[in-house]
PDB file of N, CA and C in Angstrom:
ATOM      1  N   MET A   1     -48.609-127.864 -93.859  1.00  0.00           N
ATOM      2  CA  MET A   1     -47.591-128.134 -92.872  1.00  0.00           C
ATOM      3  C   MET A   1     -46.712-129.264 -93.389  1.00  0.00           C
ATOM      4  N   SER A   2     -45.437-129.081 -93.300  1.00  0.00           N
ATOM      5  CA  SER A   2     -44.497-130.054 -93.827  1.00  0.00           C
ATOM      6  C   SER A   2     -44.171-131.175 -92.851  1.00  0.00           C
ATOM      7  N   ILE A   3     -44.129-130.845 -91.561  1.00  0.00           N
ATOM      8  CA  ILE A   3     -43.907-131.847 -90.527  1.00  0.00           C
ATOM      9  C   ILE A   3     -45.174-131.893 -89.673  1.00  0.00           C
ATOM     10  N   ALA A   4     -45.880-133.005 -89.747  1.00  0.00           N
ATOM     11  CA  ALA A   4     -47.096-133.155 -88.941  1.00  0.00           C
ATOM     12  C   ALA A   4     -46.701-133.602 -87.539  1.00  0.00           C
ATOM     13  N   ARG A   5     -47.283-132.938 -86.545  1.00  0.00           N
ATOM     14  CA  ARG A   5     -47.009-133.268 -85.142  1.00  0.00           C
ATOM     15  C   ARG A   5     -48.332-133.605 -84.455  1.00  0.00           C
ATOM     16  N   GLU A   6     -48.405-134.805 -83.898  1.00  0.00           N
ATOM     17  CA  GLU A   6     -49.617-135.197 -83.184  1.00  0.00           C
ATOM     18  C   GLU A   6     -49.285-136.268 -82.159  1.00  0.00           C
ATOM     19  N   ASN A   7     -49.768-136.073 -80.944  1.00  0.00           N
ATOM     20  CA  ASN A   7     -49.573-137.026 -79.843  1.00  0.00           C
ATOM     21  C   ASN A   7     -48.103-137.382 -79.635  1.00  0.00           C
ATOM     22  N   GLY A   8     -47.219-136.406 -79.785  1.00  0.00           N
ATOM     23  CA  GLY A   8     -45.797-136.635 -79.557  1.00  0.00           C
ATOM     24  C   GLY A   8     -45.076-137.320 -80.700  1.00  0.00           C
ATOM     25  N   LEU A   9     -45.761-137.555 -81.817  1.00  0.00           N
ATOM     26  CA  LEU A   9     -45.143-138.200 -82.976  1.00  0.00           C
ATOM     27  C   LEU A   9     -44.998-137.205 -84.117  1.00  0.00           C
ATOM     28  N   LEU A  10     -43.971-137.397 -84.938  1.00  0.00           N
ATOM     29  CA  LEU A  10     -43.701-136.540 -86.091  1.00  0.00           C
ATOM     30  C   LEU A  10     -43.776-137.363 -87.364  1.00  0.00           C
ATOM     31  N   GLN A  11     -44.197-136.717 -88.456  1.00  0.00           N
ATOM     32  CA  GLN A  11     -44.257-137.379 -89.758  1.00  0.00           C
ATOM     33  C   GLN A  11     -44.029-136.333 -90.840  1.00  0.00           C
ATOM     34  N   VAL A  12     -43.219-136.669 -91.846  1.00  0.00           N
ATOM     35  CA  VAL A  12     -42.942-135.764 -92.960  1.00  0.00           C
ATOM     36  C   VAL A  12     -44.102-135.823 -93.945  1.00  0.00           C
ATOM     37  N   CYS A  13     -44.588-134.650 -94.382  1.00  0.00           N
ATOM     38  CA  CYS A  13     -45.678-134.553 -95.355  1.00  0.00           C
ATOM     39  C   CYS A  13     -45.202-133.760 -96.565  1.00  0.00           C
ATOM     40  N   CYS A  14     -45.629-134.165 -97.745  1.00  0.00           N
ATOM     41  CA  CYS A  14     -45.253-133.484 -98.980  1.00  0.00           C
ATOM     42  C   CYS A  14     -45.953-132.129 -99.064  1.00  0.00           C
ATOM     43  N   ASP A  15     -45.234-131.117 -99.557  1.00  0.00           N
ATOM     44  CA  ASP A  15     -45.806-129.784 -99.734  1.00  0.00           C
ATOM     45  C   ASP A  15     -46.620-129.678-101.021  1.00  0.00           C
ATOM     46  N   SER A  16     -46.466-130.638-101.945  1.00  0.00           N
ATOM     47  CA  SER A  16     -47.110-130.546-103.254  1.00  0.00           C
ATOM     48  C   SER A  16     -48.331-131.444-103.416  1.00  0.00           C
ATOM     49  N   CYS A  17     -48.433-132.484-102.606  1.00  0.00           N
ATOM     50  CA  CYS A  17     -49.556-133.414-102.713  1.00  0.00           C
ATOM     51  C   CYS A  17     -49.896-133.937-101.314  1.00  0.00           C
ATOM     52  N   PRO A  18     -50.931-134.751-101.172  1.00  0.00           N
ATOM     53  CA  PRO A  18     -51.312-135.246 -99.838  1.00  0.00           C
ATOM     54  C   PRO A  18     -50.437-136.373 -99.288  1.00  0.00           C
ATOM     55  N   ALA A  19     -49.388-136.772 -99.984  1.00  0.00           N
ATOM     56  CA  ALA A  19     -48.559-137.897 -99.540  1.00  0.00           C
ATOM     57  C   ALA A  19     -47.811-137.566 -98.251  1.00  0.00           C
ATOM     58  N   SER A  20     -47.521-138.607 -97.487  1.00  0.00           N
ATOM     59  CA  SER A  20     -46.690-138.455 -96.297  1.00  0.00           C
ATOM     60  C   SER A  20     -45.769-139.664 -96.197  1.00  0.00           C
ATOM     61  N   TYR A  21     -44.607-139.450 -95.567  1.00  0.00           N
ATOM     62  CA  TYR A  21     -43.684-140.554 -95.342  1.00  0.00           C
ATOM     63  C   TYR A  21     -44.368-141.522 -94.382  1.00  0.00           C
ATOM     64  N   PRO A  22     -44.383-142.829 -94.669  1.00  0.00           N
ATOM     65  CA  PRO A  22     -45.219-143.752 -93.898  1.00  0.00           C
ATOM     66  C   PRO A  22     -44.830-143.934 -92.430  1.00  0.00           C
ATOM     67  N   ASN A  23     -43.582-143.706 -92.073  1.00  0.00           N
ATOM     68  CA  ASN A  23     -43.156-143.931 -90.691  1.00  0.00           C
ATOM     69  C   ASN A  23     -43.358-142.689 -89.833  1.00  0.00           C
ATOM     70  N   THR A  24     -43.632-142.899 -88.553  1.00  0.00           N
ATOM     71  CA  THR A  24     -43.731-141.800 -87.590  1.00  0.00           C
ATOM     72  C   THR A  24     -42.588-141.939 -86.589  1.00  0.00           C
ATOM     73  N   TYR A  25     -42.171-140.804 -86.020  1.00  0.00           N
ATOM     74  CA  TYR A  25     -41.006-140.769 -85.137  1.00  0.00           C
ATOM     75  C   TYR A  25     -41.298-139.920 -83.911  1.00  0.00           C
ATOM     76  N   LEU A  26     -40.611-140.213 -82.825  1.00  0.00           N
ATOM     77  CA  LEU A  26     -40.662-139.371 -81.641  1.00  0.00           C
ATOM     78  C   LEU A  26     -39.869-138.098 -81.913  1.00  0.00           C
ATOM     79  N   ALA A  27     -40.152-137.045 -81.164  1.00  0.00           N
ATOM     80  CA  ALA A  27     -39.495-135.752 -81.383  1.00  0.00           C
ATOM     81  C   ALA A  27     -37.977-135.859 -81.279  1.00  0.00           C
ATOM     82  N   GLU A  28     -37.480-136.681 -80.367  1.00  0.00           N
ATOM     83  CA  GLU A  28     -36.019-136.791 -80.211  1.00  0.00           C
ATOM     84  C   GLU A  28     -35.359-137.512 -81.388  1.00  0.00           C
ATOM     85  N   ASP A  29     -36.145-138.169 -82.242  1.00  0.00           N
ATOM     86  CA  ASP A  29     -35.611-138.861 -83.420  1.00  0.00           C
ATOM     87  C   ASP A  29     -35.792-138.048 -84.698  1.00  0.00           C
ATOM     88  N   PHE A  30     -35.901-136.731 -84.566  1.00  0.00           N
ATOM     89  CA  PHE A  30     -36.141-135.860 -85.717  1.00  0.00           C
ATOM     90  C   PHE A  30     -35.081-136.050 -86.804  1.00  0.00           C
ATOM     91  N   SER A  31     -33.797-136.041 -86.430  1.00  0.00           N
ATOM     92  CA  SER A  31     -32.732-136.176 -87.431  1.00  0.00           C
ATOM     93  C   SER A  31     -32.774-137.542 -88.109  1.00  0.00           C
ATOM     94  N   VAL A  32     -33.174-138.576 -87.387  1.00  0.00           N
ATOM     95  CA  VAL A  32     -33.312-139.913 -87.976  1.00  0.00           C
ATOM     96  C   VAL A  32     -34.444-139.915 -88.997  1.00  0.00           C
ATOM     97  N   MET A  33     -35.553-139.249 -88.662  1.00  0.00           N
ATOM     98  CA  MET A  33     -36.696-139.160 -89.571  1.00  0.00           C
ATOM     99  C   MET A  33     -36.287-138.485 -90.882  1.00  0.00           C
ATOM    100  N   ILE A  34     -35.566-137.370 -90.785  1.00  0.00           N
ATOM    101  CA  ILE A  34     -35.134-136.646 -91.982  1.00  0.00           C
ATOM    102  C   ILE A  34     -34.186-137.512 -92.809  1.00  0.00           C
ATOM    103  N   ALA A  35     -33.241-138.182 -92.159  1.00  0.00           N
ATOM    104  CA  ALA A  35     -32.298-139.048 -92.873  1.00  0.00           C
ATOM    105  C   ALA A  35     -33.027-140.199 -93.567  1.00  0.00           C
ATOM    106  N   ASP A  36     -33.984-140.824 -92.885  1.00  0.00           N
ATOM    107  CA  ASP A  36     -34.744-141.927 -93.484  1.00  0.00           C
ATOM    108  C   ASP A  36     -35.557-141.453 -94.691  1.00  0.00           C
ATOM    109  N   ALA A  37     -36.199-140.299 -94.568  1.00  0.00           N
ATOM    110  CA  ALA A  37     -37.004-139.770 -95.674  1.00  0.00           C
ATOM    111  C   ALA A  37     -36.121-139.453 -96.876  1.00  0.00           C
ATOM    112  N   LYS A  38     -34.960-138.850 -96.639  1.00  0.00           N
ATOM    113  CA  LYS A  38     -34.043-138.547 -97.746  1.00  0.00           C
ATOM    114  C   LYS A  38     -33.553-139.829 -98.412  1.00  0.00           C
ATOM    115  N   THR A  39     -33.285-140.857 -97.621  1.00  0.00           N
ATOM    116  CA  THR A  39     -32.858-142.147 -98.172  1.00  0.00           C
ATOM    117  C   THR A  39     -33.951-142.752 -99.049  1.00  0.00           C
ATOM    118  N   ALA A  40     -35.208-142.509 -98.692  1.00  0.00           N
ATOM    119  CA  ALA A  40     -36.347-143.035 -99.453  1.00  0.00           C
ATOM    120  C   ALA A  40     -36.674-142.189-100.685  1.00  0.00           C
ATOM    121  N   GLY A  41     -35.891-141.142-100.952  1.00  0.00           N
ATOM    122  CA  GLY A  41     -36.096-140.348-102.159  1.00  0.00           C
ATOM    123  C   GLY A  41     -36.779-139.013-101.955  1.00  0.00           C
ATOM    124  N   TRP A  42     -37.103-138.658-100.720  1.00  0.00           N
ATOM    125  CA  TRP A  42     -37.707-137.355-100.445  1.00  0.00           C
ATOM    126  C   TRP A  42     -36.654-136.269-100.597  1.00  0.00           C
ATOM    127  N   ILE A  43     -37.072-135.115-101.081  1.00  0.00           N
ATOM    128  CA  ILE A  43     -36.185-133.955-101.182  1.00  0.00           C
ATOM    129  C   ILE A  43     -36.585-132.981-100.079  1.00  0.00           C
ATOM    130  N   ILE A  44     -35.663-132.746 -99.161  1.00  0.00           N
ATOM    131  CA  ILE A  44     -35.895-131.818 -98.053  1.00  0.00           C
ATOM    132  C   ILE A  44     -34.783-130.786 -98.116  1.00  0.00           C
ATOM    133  N   ARG A  45     -35.170-129.531 -98.345  1.00  0.00           N
ATOM    134  CA  ARG A  45     -34.165-128.467 -98.487  1.00  0.00           C
ATOM    135  C   ARG A  45     -34.701-127.155 -97.937  1.00  0.00           C
ATOM    136  N   LYS A  46     -33.774-126.244 -97.694  1.00  0.00           N
ATOM    137  CA  LYS A  46     -34.154-124.926 -97.194  1.00  0.00           C
ATOM    138  C   LYS A  46     -35.013-124.218 -98.228  1.00  0.00           C
ATOM    139  N   ALA A  47     -36.047-123.550 -97.748  1.00  0.00           N
ATOM    140  CA  ALA A  47     -36.939-122.796 -98.633  1.00  0.00           C
ATOM    141  C   ALA A  47     -36.256-121.508 -99.072  1.00  0.00           C
ATOM    142  N   GLY A  48     -36.743-120.943-100.152  1.00  0.00           N
ATOM    143  CA  GLY A  48     -36.233-119.668-100.643  1.00  0.00           C
ATOM    144  C   GLY A  48     -36.626-118.537 -99.716  1.00  0.00           C
ATOM    145  N   PRO A  49     -36.342-117.318-100.114  1.00  0.00           N
ATOM    146  CA  PRO A  49     -36.699-116.169 -99.275  1.00  0.00           C
ATOM    147  C   PRO A  49     -38.210-116.080 -99.078  1.00  0.00           C
ATOM    148  N   ALA A  50     -38.597-115.491 -97.966  1.00  0.00           N
ATOM    149  CA  ALA A  50     -40.019-115.357 -97.643  1.00  0.00           C
ATOM    150  C   ALA A  50     -40.735-114.581 -98.733  1.00  0.00           C
ATOM    151  N   ARG A  51     -41.962-114.982 -98.998  1.00  0.00           N
ATOM    152  CA  ARG A  51     -42.734-114.310-100.042  1.00  0.00           C
ATOM    153  C   ARG A  51     -43.155-112.913 -99.579  1.00  0.00           C
ATOM    154  N   ASP A  52     -43.378-112.047-100.530  1.00  0.00           N
ATOM    155  CA  ASP A  52     -43.839-110.697-100.227  1.00  0.00           C
ATOM    156  C   ASP A  52     -45.350-110.692-100.382  1.00  0.00           C
ATOM    157  N   ASP A  53     -46.050-111.016 -99.311  1.00  0.00           N
ATOM    158  CA  ASP A  53     -47.504-111.135 -99.348  1.00  0.00           C
ATOM    159  C   ASP A  53     -48.127-109.920 -98.675  1.00  0.00           C
ATOM    160  N   THR A  54     -48.022-108.769 -99.341  1.00  0.00           N
ATOM    161  CA  THR A  54     -48.528-107.536 -98.745  1.00  0.00           C
ATOM    162  C   THR A  54     -50.006-107.347 -98.993  1.00  0.00           C
ATOM    163  N   GLY A  55     -50.604-108.187 -99.782  1.00  0.00           N
ATOM    164  CA  GLY A  55     -52.031-108.073-100.055  1.00  0.00           C
ATOM    165  C   GLY A  55     -52.302-107.144-101.225  1.00  0.00           C
ATOM    166  N   THR A  56     -53.551-106.712-101.330  1.00  0.00           N
ATOM    167  CA  THR A  56     -53.970-105.868-102.448  1.00  0.00           C
ATOM    168  C   THR A  56     -54.436-104.494-101.994  1.00  0.00           C
ATOM    169  N   ALA A  57     -54.085-104.105-100.782  1.00  0.00           N
ATOM    170  CA  ALA A  57     -54.541-102.817-100.255  1.00  0.00           C
ATOM    171  C   ALA A  57     -54.073-101.656-101.127  1.00  0.00           C
ATOM    172  N   ASP A  58     -52.870-101.749-101.670  1.00  0.00           N
ATOM    173  CA  ASP A  58     -52.363-100.665-102.510  1.00  0.00           C
ATOM    174  C   ASP A  58     -53.102-100.581-103.849  1.00  0.00           C
ATOM    175  N   LEU A  59     -53.663-101.699-104.317  1.00  0.00           N
ATOM    176  CA  LEU A  59     -54.371-101.696-105.593  1.00  0.00           C
ATOM    177  C   LEU A  59     -55.853-101.360-105.446  1.00  0.00           C
ATOM    178  N   PHE A  60     -56.486-101.936-104.441  1.00  0.00           N
ATOM    179  CA  PHE A  60     -57.935-101.832-104.321  1.00  0.00           C
ATOM    180  C   PHE A  60     -58.413-101.058-103.102  1.00  0.00           C
ATOM    181  N   GLY A  61     -57.509-100.661-102.229  1.00  0.00           N
ATOM    182  CA  GLY A  61     -57.877 -99.872-101.072  1.00  0.00           C
ATOM    183  C   GLY A  61     -58.536-100.644 -99.948  1.00  0.00           C
ATOM    184  N   SER A  62     -58.453-101.962 -99.961  1.00  0.00           N
ATOM    185  CA  SER A  62     -59.040-102.757 -98.886  1.00  0.00           C
ATOM    186  C   SER A  62     -57.926-103.350 -98.023  1.00  0.00           C
ATOM    187  N   ALA A  63     -58.301-103.834 -96.861  1.00  0.00           N
ATOM    188  CA  ALA A  63     -57.321-104.427 -95.952  1.00  0.00           C
ATOM    189  C   ALA A  63     -56.806-105.746 -96.523  1.00  0.00           C
ATOM    190  N   PRO A  64     -55.535-106.083 -96.295  1.00  0.00           N
ATOM    191  CA  PRO A  64     -55.009-107.359 -96.787  1.00  0.00           C
ATOM    192  C   PRO A  64     -55.655-108.533 -96.061  1.00  0.00           C
ATOM    193  N   ARG A  65     -55.743-109.652 -96.735  1.00  0.00           N
ATOM    194  CA  ARG A  65     -56.341-110.851 -96.149  1.00  0.00           C
ATOM    195  C   ARG A  65     -55.391-111.441 -95.110  1.00  0.00           C
ATOM    196  N   VAL A  66     -55.926-111.721 -93.946  1.00  0.00           N
ATOM    197  CA  VAL A  66     -55.138-112.314 -92.875  1.00  0.00           C
ATOM    198  C   VAL A  66     -55.575-113.756 -92.631  1.00  0.00           C
ATOM    199  N   ALA A  67     -56.871-113.997 -92.619  1.00  0.00           N
ATOM    200  CA  ALA A  67     -57.397-115.339 -92.349  1.00  0.00           C
ATOM    201  C   ALA A  67     -57.068-116.283 -93.497  1.00  0.00           C
ATOM    202  N   GLY A  68     -56.671-117.484 -93.155  1.00  0.00           N
ATOM    203  CA  GLY A  68     -56.428-118.503 -94.158  1.00  0.00           C
ATOM    204  C   GLY A  68     -55.059-118.464 -94.806  1.00  0.00           C
ATOM    205  N   THR A  69     -54.193-117.554 -94.399  1.00  0.00           N
ATOM    206  CA  THR A  69     -52.855-117.520 -94.982  1.00  0.00           C
ATOM    207  C   THR A  69     -51.962-118.496 -94.238  1.00  0.00           C
ATOM    208  N   LYS A  70     -51.099-119.179 -94.970  1.00  0.00           N
ATOM    209  CA  LYS A  70     -50.182-120.132 -94.366  1.00  0.00           C
ATOM    210  C   LYS A  70     -48.907-119.411 -93.938  1.00  0.00           C
ATOM    211  N   PRO A  71     -48.338-119.787 -92.807  1.00  0.00           N
ATOM    212  CA  PRO A  71     -47.055-119.194 -92.425  1.00  0.00           C
ATOM    213  C   PRO A  71     -45.947-119.736 -93.326  1.00  0.00           C
ATOM    214  N   ASP A  72     -44.920-118.943 -93.541  1.00  0.00           N
ATOM    215  CA  ASP A  72     -43.791-119.404 -94.339  1.00  0.00           C
ATOM    216  C   ASP A  72     -43.060-120.513 -93.594  1.00  0.00           C
ATOM    217  N   GLU A  73     -42.736-121.583 -94.295  1.00  0.00           N
ATOM    218  CA  GLU A  73     -42.004-122.697 -93.713  1.00  0.00           C
ATOM    219  C   GLU A  73     -40.522-122.541 -94.046  1.00  0.00           C
ATOM    220  N   PRO A  74     -39.625-122.871 -93.121  1.00  0.00           N
ATOM    221  CA  PRO A  74     -38.197-122.720 -93.391  1.00  0.00           C
ATOM    222  C   PRO A  74     -37.636-123.785 -94.339  1.00  0.00           C
ATOM    223  N   TYR A  75     -38.333-124.901 -94.507  1.00  0.00           N
ATOM    224  CA  TYR A  75     -37.872-125.977 -95.380  1.00  0.00           C
ATOM    225  C   TYR A  75     -39.007-126.430 -96.293  1.00  0.00           C
ATOM    226  N   THR A  76     -38.642-126.987 -97.444  1.00  0.00           N
ATOM    227  CA  THR A  76     -39.630-127.590 -98.334  1.00  0.00           C
ATOM    228  C   THR A  76     -39.449-129.105 -98.283  1.00  0.00           C
ATOM    229  N   HIS A  77     -40.545-129.828 -98.427  1.00  0.00           N
ATOM    230  CA  HIS A  77     -40.545-131.286 -98.363  1.00  0.00           C
ATOM    231  C   HIS A  77     -41.284-131.803 -99.590  1.00  0.00           C
ATOM    232  N   THR A  78     -40.585-132.566-100.431  1.00  0.00           N
ATOM    233  CA  THR A  78     -41.158-133.059-101.680  1.00  0.00           C
ATOM    234  C   THR A  78     -41.018-134.571-101.737  1.00  0.00           C
ATOM    235  N   CYS A  79     -42.134-135.260-101.963  1.00  0.00           N
ATOM    236  CA  CYS A  79     -42.117-136.725-102.028  1.00  0.00           C
ATOM    237  C   CYS A  79     -41.464-137.176-103.337  1.00  0.00           C
ATOM    238  N   PRO A  80     -41.046-138.440-103.421  1.00  0.00           N
ATOM    239  CA  PRO A  80     -40.399-138.936-104.638  1.00  0.00           C
ATOM    240  C   PRO A  80     -41.266-138.809-105.890  1.00  0.00           C
ATOM    241  N   ASP A  81     -42.584-139.006-105.774  1.00  0.00           N
ATOM    242  CA  ASP A  81     -43.460-138.908-106.942  1.00  0.00           C
ATOM    243  C   ASP A  81     -43.507-137.486-107.488  1.00  0.00           C
ATOM    244  N   CYS A  82     -43.568-136.495-106.613  1.00  0.00           N
ATOM    245  CA  CYS A  82     -43.587-135.098-107.064  1.00  0.00           C
ATOM    246  C   CYS A  82     -42.205-134.642-107.521  1.00  0.00           C
ATOM    247  N   ALA A  83     -41.167-135.233-106.955  1.00  0.00           N
ATOM    248  CA  ALA A  83     -39.804-134.861-107.335  1.00  0.00           C
ATOM    249  C   ALA A  83     -39.460-135.369-108.732  1.00  0.00           C
ATOM    250  N   ASN A  84     -40.045-136.494-109.142  1.00  0.00           N
ATOM    251  CA  ASN A  84     -39.775-137.096-110.450  1.00  0.00           C
ATOM    252  C   ASN A  84     -41.081-137.351-111.188  1.00  0.00           C
ATOM    253  N   PRO A  85     -41.790-136.302-111.601  1.00  0.00           N
ATOM    254  CA  PRO A  85     -43.116-136.497-112.200  1.00  0.00           C
ATOM    255  C   PRO A  85     -43.095-137.247-113.525  1.00  0.00           C
ATOM    256  N   ILE A  86     -42.033-137.130-114.299  1.00  0.00           N
ATOM    257  CA  ILE A  86     -41.981-137.795-115.606  1.00  0.00           C
ATOM    258  C   ILE A  86     -41.882-139.308-115.425  1.00  0.00           C
ATOM    259  N   GLU A  87     -41.059-139.761-114.479  1.00  0.00           N
ATOM    260  CA  GLU A  87     -40.869-141.193-114.257  1.00  0.00           C
ATOM    261  C   GLU A  87     -42.138-141.873-113.762  1.00  0.00           C
ATOM    262  N   THR A  88     -42.921-141.184-112.928  1.00  0.00           N
ATOM    263  CA  THR A  88     -44.087-141.818-112.316  1.00  0.00           C
ATOM    264  C   THR A  88     -45.395-141.468-113.001  1.00  0.00           C
ATOM    265  N   GLY A  89     -45.354-140.552-113.960  1.00  0.00           N
ATOM    266  CA  GLY A  89     -46.575-140.157-114.642  1.00  0.00           C
ATOM    267  C   GLY A  89     -47.383-139.139-113.870  1.00  0.00           C
ATOM    268  N   GLY A  90     -46.803-138.533-112.852  1.00  0.00           N
ATOM    269  CA  GLY A  90     -47.517-137.530-112.069  1.00  0.00           C
ATOM    270  C   GLY A  90     -47.346-136.142-112.647  1.00  0.00           C
ATOM    271  N   LEU A  91     -48.096-135.216-112.185  1.00  0.00           N
ATOM    272  CA  LEU A  91     -48.059-133.788-112.510  1.00  0.00           C
ATOM    273  C   LEU A  91     -48.148-133.456-113.995  1.00  0.00           C
ATOM    274  N   LEU A  92     -47.376-134.065-114.836  1.00  0.00           N
ATOM    275  CA  LEU A  92     -47.387-133.713-116.271  1.00  0.00           C
ATOM    276  C   LEU A  92     -47.869-134.864-117.118  1.00  0.00           C
TER     277      LEU A  92
END
Protein backbone atom coordinates (compact mmCIF):
# COMPACT_ATOMS: atom_id res chain seq x y z
CA MET A 1 0.00 0.00 0.00
CA SER A 2 1.41 3.35 -1.00
CA ILE A 3 -0.69 5.54 1.29
CA ALA A 4 -1.11 4.11 4.78
CA ARG A 5 -4.38 5.04 6.46
CA GLU A 6 -4.90 4.50 10.18
CA ASN A 7 -6.95 6.30 12.84
CA GLY A 8 -7.80 9.12 10.43
CA LEU A 9 -4.14 9.81 9.58
CA LEU A 10 -2.37 9.34 6.24
CA GLN A 11 1.30 8.60 5.53
CA VAL A 12 3.19 8.03 2.26
CA CYS A 13 5.00 4.67 2.05
CA CYS A 14 7.62 3.62 -0.50
CA ASP A 15 6.58 0.90 -2.97
CA SER A 16 10.16 -0.44 -3.22
CA CYS A 17 11.32 -0.62 0.40
CA PRO A 18 9.86 -0.34 3.94
CA ALA A 19 10.56 3.42 4.19
CA SER A 20 7.79 5.90 4.86
CA TYR A 21 7.62 9.69 4.87
CA PRO A 22 8.04 10.62 8.56
CA ASN A 23 5.10 13.03 8.84
CA THR A 24 1.44 12.01 9.12
CA TYR A 25 -1.49 14.10 7.87
CA LEU A 26 -5.24 14.31 8.26
CA ALA A 27 -7.31 13.21 5.25
CA GLU A 28 -8.22 16.81 4.36
CA ASP A 29 -4.48 17.64 4.10
CA PHE A 30 -3.84 15.01 1.41
CA SER A 31 -2.56 17.52 -1.18
CA VAL A 32 -0.25 19.09 1.42
CA MET A 33 1.15 15.64 2.26
CA ILE A 34 1.90 14.93 -1.42
CA ALA A 35 3.50 18.36 -1.91
CA ASP A 36 5.67 17.95 1.22
CA ALA A 37 6.81 14.46 0.18
CA LYS A 38 7.72 15.66 -3.32
CA THR A 39 9.67 18.57 -1.82
CA ALA A 40 11.59 16.05 0.31
CA GLY A 41 12.65 14.13 -2.82
CA TRP A 42 9.91 11.50 -3.10
CA ILE A 43 8.78 10.60 -6.61
CA ILE A 44 5.00 10.27 -6.84
CA ARG A 45 3.60 9.62 -10.31
CA LYS A 46 0.79 7.88 -12.12
CA ALA A 47 1.34 4.15 -12.50
CA GLY A 48 1.54 2.48 -15.89
CA PRO A 49 -1.26 0.40 -17.35
CA ALA A 50 -2.71 -2.35 -15.18
CA ARG A 51 -0.82 -5.61 -15.30
CA ASP A 52 -2.25 -8.59 -17.13
CA ASP A 53 -2.41 -11.05 -14.25
CA THR A 54 -4.53 -13.80 -15.77
CA GLY A 55 -2.75 -16.54 -13.88
CA THR A 56 -1.49 -19.85 -15.23
CA ALA A 57 -4.79 -21.58 -15.97
CA ASP A 58 -4.08 -21.57 -19.70
CA LEU A 59 -0.67 -23.22 -19.16
CA PHE A 60 -1.33 -25.70 -16.36
CA GLY A 61 -5.11 -26.08 -16.29
CA SER A 62 -5.52 -24.89 -12.70
CA ALA A 63 -7.48 -21.95 -11.34
CA PRO A 64 -5.62 -18.61 -11.13
CA ARG A 65 -4.37 -17.53 -7.72
CA VAL A 66 -6.67 -15.04 -6.03
CA ALA A 67 -5.45 -14.99 -2.42
CA GLY A 68 -2.48 -12.79 -1.68
CA THR A 69 -2.61 -10.70 -4.85
CA LYS A 70 -2.20 -6.96 -4.44
CA PRO A 71 -4.69 -4.61 -6.10
CA ASP A 72 -3.27 -2.31 -8.76
CA GLU A 73 -2.45 1.12 -7.36
CA PRO A 74 -3.14 4.22 -9.50
CA TYR A 75 0.11 5.92 -8.39
CA THR A 76 3.65 4.83 -7.54
CA HIS A 77 5.52 6.22 -4.54
CA THR A 78 9.33 6.05 -4.43
CA CYS A 79 11.47 7.31 -1.56
CA PRO A 80 14.62 9.39 -2.26
CA ASP A 81 16.95 6.46 -1.44
CA CYS A 82 15.26 4.15 -3.97
CA ALA A 83 14.98 6.95 -6.52
CA ASN A 84 18.75 7.59 -6.40
CA PRO A 85 20.36 4.24 -5.56
CA ILE A 86 23.83 5.16 -6.87
CA GLU A 87 24.14 8.27 -4.67
CA THR A 88 23.09 6.49 -1.47
CA GLY A 89 24.61 3.08 -2.10
CA GLY A 90 21.22 1.37 -2.17
CA LEU A 91 19.89 -1.30 -4.53
CA LEU A 92 23.07 -1.60 -6.63
